[in-house]
Amino acid sequence: IEWSYWFSGLMDTQPNDRMYNCLPMYHSVGGIVAIGSVLVTGGSVVIREKFSASRFWDDVTASGCTLFQYIGELCRYLVNAPPSANETRHSLRICCGNGLRADVWEPFKKRFAIPRVLEFYAATEGNFSLYNVEGKPGAIGRVPGFMASGSPVAIVKFDFATGAPLRSDGLCVRCAADEIGEAIGKVSADDKGKSGGRFEGYTSAAEDERKILRNVFAHGDAWFRTGDLMKQDKAGYFYFVDRIGDTFRWKGENVSTLEVGNVVASCPGVTEATIYGVAVPGFDGRAGMAAIVIDPTFDPAVLRAHVSSHLPAYARPVFIRIVETLATTETFKQKKQQLIVDGFDPSIVSDVLLVDDPRREAYVPMTAEYFARMARPRELAQEVEV
């Protein structure tokens, strides 16, 4: 109920509002936020059983919806879809959700004439949430400077080697402005605590303790671990960087799959991209690999020039896999596990595979002969920048 009223206030829902909801009903956003935020003020909800990029704008226009809820990569699918006659004839005044990437934000608003985007951050089991009420592209929320001292949200330095926050003299260390770390939320001592949020926990005490940090900034305090890497700028805006499990290490540096994915996806000819790390025989860490969906204008040379100009050498994808589609979950999150398992073995992968060859300054085909040389790392190191 609280969530329904929170989002009703944030979106200023009225009795004449209609919410377009094509999200899974079992999800907290599709089943609670999208529905409750409108019903509590007497509005109505138009429910579509399944998201359809080709039918989306026809549905929204015909039903007279004034709001719609998104999640994950839904907005990217709309941007990548062919033009629709109704894509700017709608009555939408706001769209609300989480997961709208920075590279999609402005193209989405401009092409579809969206007046306002309300991006937020929250987790079903989490104990805090963030809201980007100003509509700053790419941000997930903001805590102004005058509220910072009492904020129940913090970002602490993270040690990728241990998989835990860094400590100094037994306590965690806050990140500086624009420094990447793990986001944590203060756990209140009781349900009435004003300086933190309630953490109800899981059905397993062991899982509860895995998610709770103790003695964080003072002895005896407790904070909830989100497992999400974020950064906060000097103005107080928070930016999602990556899930801790998605970040991999290469050439002694930490690589954010989300950051690399935004760059690759913004390259002309690439319509969708997902990034992951793959093991290379004889080398520590994991090399970056991109699975991409392309259009007829795609040129590997353009992609290489693009990533070279936007990313440091260690973050540039070493391997490229060109796929027809990228699998997603029911909530539009990309599935990577099978891609990671497949790796870059041409005997397993039937899709086109490319590998970065620094001698030719180009992405070249990954052949069976090339892959066979992976068993001889010294020889490979002379040919491929790994």
Protein backbone atom coordinates (compact mmCIF):
# COMPACT_ATOMS: atom_id res chain seq x y z
CA ILE A 1 0.00 0.00 0.00
CA GLU A 2 2.81 2.42 0.87
CA TRP A 3 4.42 1.96 -2.54
CA SER A 4 1.10 2.70 -4.26
CA TYR A 5 0.75 6.03 -2.45
CA TRP A 6 4.43 6.93 -2.89
CA PHE A 7 4.27 6.59 -6.64
CA SER A 8 0.83 8.15 -6.81
CA GLY A 9 2.34 11.27 -5.27
CA LEU A 10 5.46 11.18 -7.43
CA MET A 11 3.41 10.92 -10.62
CA ASP A 12 0.56 13.11 -9.33
CA THR A 13 -2.01 10.58 -10.51
CA GLN A 14 -5.58 11.79 -10.99
CA PRO A 15 -8.99 10.11 -11.54
CA ASN A 16 -8.75 10.74 -15.28
CA ASP A 17 -5.35 9.03 -15.61
CA ARG A 18 -4.90 5.71 -17.40
CA MET A 19 -1.82 3.56 -16.88
CA TYR A 20 -0.59 1.28 -19.68
CA ASN A 21 0.87 -1.84 -18.07
CA CYS A 22 2.49 -4.59 -20.16
CA LEU A 23 4.78 -5.89 -17.38
CA PRO A 24 4.56 -9.25 -15.58
CA MET A 25 1.98 -9.03 -12.79
CA TYR A 26 4.11 -11.09 -10.42
CA HIS A 27 6.80 -8.40 -10.49
CA SER A 28 6.62 -5.64 -7.87
CA VAL A 29 6.62 -2.92 -10.54
CA GLY A 30 4.03 -4.51 -12.83
CA GLY A 31 1.83 -5.89 -10.05
CA ILE A 32 2.00 -3.10 -7.46
CA VAL A 33 3.51 0.19 -8.65
CA ALA A 34 1.88 0.33 -12.08
CA ILE A 35 -1.54 -0.67 -10.75
CA GLY A 36 -1.73 0.71 -7.23
CA SER A 37 -0.38 4.18 -8.02
CA VAL A 38 -3.38 4.87 -10.27
CA LEU A 39 -6.15 2.95 -8.53
CA VAL A 40 -5.63 4.75 -5.19
CA THR A 41 -6.70 8.02 -6.84
CA GLY A 42 -9.58 6.57 -8.83
CA GLY A 43 -7.80 6.16 -12.16
CA SER A 44 -7.75 3.07 -14.36
CA VAL A 45 -5.18 0.59 -15.66
CA VAL A 46 -4.99 -0.89 -19.15
CA ILE A 47 -3.34 -4.31 -18.92
CA ARG A 48 -1.70 -6.01 -21.89
CA GLU A 49 -0.79 -9.64 -21.38
CA LYS A 50 2.58 -9.32 -23.09
CA PHE A 51 4.80 -6.49 -24.31
CA SER A 52 4.79 -5.95 -28.07
CA ALA A 53 7.08 -3.33 -29.60
CA SER A 54 5.08 -3.34 -32.85
CA ARG A 55 1.71 -2.86 -31.12
CA PHE A 56 2.83 -0.63 -28.26
CA TRP A 57 2.00 2.81 -29.65
CA ASP A 58 -1.23 1.65 -31.27
CA ASP A 59 -2.38 0.29 -27.89
CA VAL A 60 -1.32 3.39 -25.93
CA THR A 61 -3.00 5.75 -28.40
CA ALA A 62 -6.22 3.77 -28.82
CA SER A 63 -6.68 3.37 -25.06
CA GLY A 64 -5.97 7.03 -24.29
CA CYS A 65 -3.33 6.19 -21.70
CA THR A 66 -1.61 9.08 -19.95
CA LEU A 67 1.02 7.01 -18.12
CA PHE A 68 3.05 3.90 -18.75
CA GLN A 69 5.44 1.78 -16.73
CA TYR A 70 8.73 0.45 -18.09
CA ILE A 71 11.52 -1.75 -16.80
CA GLY A 72 14.89 -2.98 -18.04
CA GLU A 73 15.47 -2.73 -21.78
CA LEU A 74 11.84 -2.14 -22.77
CA CYS A 75 12.52 1.44 -23.92
CA ARG A 76 15.49 0.32 -26.02
CA TYR A 77 13.24 -2.14 -27.87
CA LEU A 78 10.88 0.71 -28.69
CA VAL A 79 13.72 2.93 -29.93
CA ASN A 80 15.01 0.11 -32.14
CA ALA A 81 11.57 -0.70 -33.55
CA PRO A 82 10.45 0.55 -37.00
CA PRO A 83 8.50 3.84 -37.06
CA SER A 84 4.85 3.70 -36.04
CA ALA A 85 2.21 6.14 -37.24
CA ASN A 86 0.97 6.55 -33.66
CA GLU A 87 4.29 6.92 -31.87
CA THR A 88 3.77 10.65 -31.27
CA ARG A 89 -0.05 10.77 -31.33
CA HIS A 90 -0.39 9.54 -27.77
CA SER A 91 -1.64 11.38 -24.67
CA LEU A 92 1.21 10.33 -22.39
CA ARG A 93 2.37 12.88 -19.84
CA ILE A 94 4.87 10.72 -17.96
CA CYS A 95 6.52 7.29 -18.01
CA CYS A 96 7.92 5.72 -14.87
CA GLY A 97 10.29 2.84 -14.27
CA ASN A 98 13.83 1.67 -13.71
CA GLY A 99 16.59 0.48 -16.00
CA LEU A 100 16.47 3.21 -18.67
CA ARG A 101 20.09 3.43 -19.80
CA ALA A 102 21.75 6.76 -20.43
CA ASP A 103 22.35 6.07 -24.14
CA VAL A 104 18.64 5.41 -24.72
CA TRP A 105 17.16 8.18 -22.52
CA GLU A 106 17.35 11.18 -24.86
CA PRO A 107 16.62 9.31 -28.13
CA PHE A 108 13.59 7.76 -26.43
CA LYS A 109 12.21 11.08 -25.16
CA LYS A 110 12.87 12.93 -28.41
CA ARG A 111 11.57 10.36 -30.90
CA PHE A 112 8.36 9.60 -28.99
CA ALA A 113 7.74 13.10 -27.59
CA ILE A 114 7.70 11.94 -23.98
CA PRO A 115 7.17 14.98 -21.71
CA ARG A 116 8.69 13.48 -18.56
CA VAL A 117 10.58 10.41 -17.38
CA LEU A 118 10.55 9.34 -13.73
CA GLU A 119 13.41 6.90 -13.18
CA PHE A 120 13.78 5.25 -9.79
CA TYR A 121 15.87 2.65 -8.00
CA ALA A 122 14.51 0.05 -5.59
CA ALA A 123 14.66 -3.64 -4.77
CA THR A 124 11.89 -5.84 -3.39
CA GLU A 125 14.01 -6.93 -0.42
CA GLY A 126 15.90 -3.65 -0.13
CA ASN A 127 15.44 -1.03 2.56
CA PHE A 128 15.79 2.19 0.57
CA SER A 129 14.81 3.68 -2.75
CA LEU A 130 15.94 6.59 -4.92
CA TYR A 131 13.95 8.82 -7.28
CA ASN A 132 15.11 11.00 -10.16
CA VAL A 133 12.28 13.52 -9.96
CA GLU A 134 14.21 16.16 -11.93
CA GLY A 135 14.54 13.86 -14.95
CA LYS A 136 18.32 14.12 -15.26
CA PRO A 137 19.30 11.67 -18.05
CA GLY A 138 21.08 8.57 -16.77
CA ALA A 139 20.58 9.25 -13.05
CA ILE A 140 18.56 6.93 -10.80
CA GLY A 141 17.92 9.45 -8.05
CA ARG A 142 19.28 12.27 -5.99
CA VAL A 143 20.03 13.16 -2.39
CA PRO A 144 20.72 16.93 -2.16
CA GLY A 145 23.71 18.11 -0.17
CA PHE A 146 21.59 19.56 2.65
CA MET A 147 20.09 16.09 3.24
CA ALA A 148 23.30 14.11 2.88
CA SER A 149 24.21 13.95 6.59
CA GLY A 150 20.94 12.25 7.47
CA SER A 151 20.63 10.11 4.37
CA PRO A 152 20.15 6.36 4.94
CA VAL A 153 22.03 5.70 1.68
CA ALA A 154 25.81 5.52 1.27
CA ILE A 155 28.39 4.31 -1.24
CA VAL A 156 31.45 2.59 0.22
CA LYS A 157 34.76 1.61 -1.32
CA PHE A 158 34.70 -1.93 -2.67
CA ASP A 159 37.51 -4.49 -2.87
CA PHE A 160 37.03 -6.58 -6.00
CA ALA A 161 39.68 -9.05 -4.88
CA THR A 162 37.75 -10.03 -1.75
CA GLY A 163 34.24 -9.25 -2.96
CA ALA A 164 33.58 -7.11 0.11
CA PRO A 165 33.73 -3.44 1.08
CA LEU A 166 37.14 -2.08 2.02
CA ARG A 167 37.77 -1.29 5.67
CA SER A 168 40.15 1.03 7.47
CA ASP A 169 40.67 0.53 11.20
CA GLY A 170 37.78 -1.90 11.10
CA LEU A 171 35.26 0.50 9.53
CA CYS A 172 34.07 1.00 5.96
CA VAL A 173 35.22 3.98 3.90
CA ARG A 174 32.82 6.29 2.07
CA CYS A 175 33.49 6.94 -1.61
CA ALA A 176 34.37 10.40 -2.84
CA ALA A 177 32.28 12.14 -5.49
CA ASP A 178 32.20 10.19 -8.78
CA GLU A 179 34.04 7.25 -7.18
CA ILE A 180 32.51 3.83 -7.80
CA GLY A 181 31.60 1.66 -4.83
CA GLU A 182 28.84 -0.53 -3.39
CA ALA A 183 25.57 1.15 -2.43
CA ILE A 184 24.31 0.32 1.05
CA GLY A 185 21.24 1.31 3.06
CA LYS A 186 21.14 1.89 6.79
CA VAL A 187 19.04 -0.59 8.77
CA SER A 188 16.94 1.07 11.46
CA ALA A 189 17.06 -0.27 15.00
CA ASP A 190 13.26 -0.50 15.05
CA ASP A 191 10.28 0.05 12.77
CA LYS A 192 10.01 3.69 13.88
CA GLY A 193 13.62 4.58 13.18
CA LYS A 194 13.90 7.68 11.04
CA SER A 195 17.56 7.34 10.13
CA GLY A 196 17.25 4.07 8.26
CA GLY A 197 14.94 1.60 6.60
CA ARG A 198 13.50 -1.67 7.80
CA PHE A 199 15.07 -4.89 6.55
CA GLU A 200 12.61 -7.78 6.89
CA GLY A 201 15.11 -10.38 5.77
CA TYR A 202 14.79 -13.72 4.01
CA THR A 203 13.62 -17.13 5.15
CA SER A 204 17.24 -18.05 5.91
CA ALA A 205 19.20 -16.46 8.76
CA ALA A 206 22.41 -17.21 6.87
CA GLU A 207 21.16 -15.24 3.85
CA ASP A 208 20.18 -12.38 6.16
CA GLU A 209 23.72 -12.13 7.51
CA ARG A 210 25.20 -12.32 4.02
CA LYS A 211 23.31 -9.17 3.08
CA ILE A 212 23.99 -7.22 6.27
CA LEU A 213 27.17 -5.23 6.95
CA ARG A 214 27.94 -4.57 10.59
CA ASN A 215 30.21 -1.99 12.21
CA VAL A 216 30.16 0.07 9.02
CA PHE A 217 30.69 3.69 10.06
CA ALA A 218 30.31 3.18 13.81
CA HIS A 219 30.55 0.16 16.06
CA GLY A 220 27.19 -1.50 16.37
CA ASP A 221 25.50 -0.07 13.26
CA ALA A 222 24.08 -2.23 10.46
CA TRP A 223 23.63 -1.58 6.74
CA PHE A 224 21.97 -3.55 3.92
CA ARG A 225 24.23 -4.59 1.02
CA THR A 226 22.54 -3.98 -2.34
CA GLY A 227 25.16 -5.81 -4.40
CA ASP A 228 25.00 -2.86 -6.82
CA LEU A 229 27.90 -0.64 -7.82
CA MET A 230 27.01 3.04 -8.01
CA LYS A 231 28.56 6.46 -8.00
CA GLN A 232 27.28 9.84 -6.82
CA ASP A 233 28.26 13.15 -8.35
CA LYS A 234 28.87 16.43 -6.52
CA ALA A 235 25.29 17.53 -7.13
CA GLY A 236 23.99 14.48 -5.29
CA TYR A 237 22.80 12.44 -8.28
CA PHE A 238 23.25 8.68 -8.07
CA TYR A 239 24.18 6.60 -11.13
CA PHE A 240 23.90 2.84 -11.44
CA VAL A 241 27.20 1.34 -12.64
CA ASP A 242 26.77 -2.44 -12.55
CA ARG A 243 25.87 -5.46 -10.52
CA ILE A 244 28.89 -6.66 -8.56
CA GLY A 245 28.70 -10.07 -10.20
CA ASP A 246 28.65 -8.54 -13.69
CA THR A 247 31.84 -6.53 -13.25
CA PHE A 248 34.95 -8.47 -14.28
CA ARG A 249 38.67 -7.85 -13.98
CA TRP A 250 41.06 -7.61 -16.96
CA LYS A 251 44.65 -6.39 -17.19
CA GLY A 252 44.48 -5.57 -13.50
CA GLU A 253 41.51 -3.22 -14.01
CA ASN A 254 37.83 -3.53 -13.13
CA VAL A 255 35.55 -3.45 -16.16
CA SER A 256 31.90 -2.43 -15.90
CA THR A 257 29.72 -4.36 -18.32
CA LEU A 258 27.11 -1.61 -18.22
CA GLU A 259 29.61 1.12 -19.13
CA VAL A 260 31.06 -0.89 -22.01
CA GLY A 261 27.58 -1.94 -23.11
CA ASN A 262 26.44 1.68 -23.34
CA VAL A 263 29.40 2.52 -25.57
CA VAL A 264 29.02 -0.50 -27.85
CA ALA A 265 25.25 -0.05 -28.17
CA SER A 266 25.73 3.61 -29.17
CA CYS A 267 27.88 2.62 -32.17
CA PRO A 268 26.20 3.10 -35.58
CA GLY A 269 24.99 -0.23 -36.92
CA VAL A 270 24.59 -1.82 -33.46
CA THR A 271 21.00 -2.05 -32.26
CA GLU A 272 21.56 -4.01 -29.06
CA ALA A 273 24.54 -5.24 -27.05
CA THR A 274 25.41 -7.20 -23.94
CA ILE A 275 28.88 -7.46 -22.41
CA TYR A 276 30.47 -10.23 -20.36
CA GLY A 277 33.87 -11.57 -19.40
CA VAL A 278 35.36 -14.78 -20.79
CA ALA A 279 38.39 -16.76 -19.65
CA VAL A 280 41.41 -16.88 -21.97
CA PRO A 281 43.93 -19.73 -21.47
CA GLY A 282 47.15 -18.55 -19.84
CA PHE A 283 45.83 -15.15 -18.77
CA ASP A 284 44.53 -13.85 -15.47
CA GLY A 285 41.07 -12.40 -15.21
CA ARG A 286 38.53 -12.34 -18.01
CA ALA A 287 38.64 -10.65 -21.39
CA GLY A 288 35.71 -8.57 -22.53
CA MET A 289 33.32 -10.05 -25.06
CA ALA A 290 30.31 -8.39 -26.69
CA ALA A 291 27.29 -10.14 -28.14
CA ILE A 292 25.61 -7.70 -30.50
CA VAL A 293 22.54 -7.41 -32.70
CA ILE A 294 23.25 -5.41 -35.84
CA ASP A 295 21.49 -3.72 -38.75
CA PRO A 296 22.62 -3.70 -42.42
CA THR A 297 24.82 -0.63 -41.87
CA PHE A 298 27.11 -2.37 -39.38
CA ASP A 299 30.84 -2.15 -40.09
CA PRO A 300 33.40 -3.86 -37.79
CA ALA A 301 35.92 -1.11 -38.59
CA VAL A 302 33.48 1.54 -37.34
CA LEU A 303 32.90 -0.44 -34.16
CA ARG A 304 36.60 -0.76 -33.43
CA ALA A 305 37.19 2.96 -34.01
CA HIS A 306 34.19 3.74 -31.82
CA VAL A 307 35.27 1.67 -28.81
CA SER A 308 38.88 2.83 -29.21
CA SER A 309 37.81 6.46 -28.94
CA HIS A 310 35.44 5.97 -26.01
CA LEU A 311 37.03 3.26 -23.83
CA PRO A 312 40.46 2.61 -22.30
CA ALA A 313 42.34 -0.32 -23.84
CA TYR A 314 41.57 -2.75 -21.01
CA ALA A 315 37.80 -2.18 -21.35
CA ARG A 316 37.50 -2.64 -25.10
CA PRO A 317 35.89 -5.95 -26.12
CA VAL A 318 38.47 -8.45 -27.31
CA PHE A 319 35.84 -10.72 -28.82
CA ILE A 320 32.62 -9.96 -30.72
CA ARG A 321 29.71 -12.32 -31.33
CA ILE A 322 27.05 -11.25 -33.83
CA VAL A 323 23.66 -12.71 -32.91
CA GLU A 324 20.13 -12.50 -34.30
CA THR A 325 18.57 -11.70 -30.92
CA LEU A 326 19.58 -11.41 -27.27
CA ALA A 327 17.63 -13.51 -24.79
CA THR A 328 16.01 -11.68 -21.89
CA THR A 329 14.12 -12.52 -18.72
CA GLU A 330 10.42 -11.80 -18.31
CA THR A 331 11.42 -8.42 -16.85
CA PHE A 332 13.58 -7.48 -19.85
CA LYS A 333 16.96 -8.15 -18.25
CA GLN A 334 19.55 -9.68 -20.56
CA LYS A 335 20.51 -13.31 -20.06
CA LYS A 336 24.28 -13.78 -20.19
CA GLN A 337 25.04 -17.15 -18.63
CA GLN A 338 24.79 -19.25 -21.80
CA LEU A 339 26.83 -16.67 -23.71
CA ILE A 340 29.55 -16.92 -21.06
CA VAL A 341 29.50 -20.74 -21.25
CA ASP A 342 29.73 -20.67 -25.07
CA GLY A 343 32.69 -18.30 -25.01
CA PHE A 344 34.44 -17.74 -28.34
CA ASP A 345 34.90 -21.33 -29.55
CA PRO A 346 33.82 -21.47 -33.23
CA SER A 347 33.16 -25.21 -32.92
CA ILE A 348 30.44 -24.39 -30.38
CA VAL A 349 29.21 -21.02 -31.62
CA SER A 350 27.63 -20.95 -35.07
CA ASP A 351 27.25 -17.16 -35.02
CA VAL A 352 29.86 -14.89 -36.59
CA LEU A 353 32.79 -14.43 -34.19
CA LEU A 354 35.38 -11.67 -34.40
CA VAL A 355 38.59 -11.08 -32.45
CA ASP A 356 40.54 -7.85 -32.04
CA ASP A 357 43.85 -7.98 -33.91
CA PRO A 358 45.99 -4.95 -32.89
CA ARG A 359 48.55 -5.60 -35.62
CA ARG A 360 45.90 -4.98 -38.26
CA GLU A 361 43.98 -2.59 -36.00
CA ALA A 362 40.82 -4.45 -36.88
CA TYR A 363 38.30 -7.03 -35.75
CA VAL A 364 39.06 -10.17 -37.77
CA PRO A 365 37.18 -13.51 -38.04
CA MET A 366 37.74 -16.00 -35.24
CA THR A 367 38.58 -19.15 -37.22
CA ALA A 368 39.10 -22.68 -35.92
CA GLU A 369 42.83 -22.28 -36.57
CA TYR A 370 42.94 -19.05 -34.63
CA PHE A 371 41.07 -20.64 -31.73
CA ALA A 372 43.49 -23.61 -31.71
CA ARG A 373 46.31 -21.20 -30.99
CA MET A 374 44.57 -20.26 -27.76
CA ALA A 375 46.29 -23.29 -26.26
CA ARG A 376 49.60 -21.54 -26.92
CA PRO A 377 49.25 -18.25 -24.99
CA ARG A 378 52.78 -16.98 -25.79
CA GLU A 379 52.11 -17.21 -29.50
CA LEU A 380 48.64 -15.71 -29.06
CA ALA A 381 49.95 -12.77 -27.05
CA GLN A 382 52.10 -11.75 -29.99
CA GLU A 383 49.05 -11.59 -32.24
CA VAL A 384 46.13 -10.50 -30.10
CA GLU A 385 45.99 -7.70 -27.59
CA VAL A 386 45.01 -9.73 -24.53
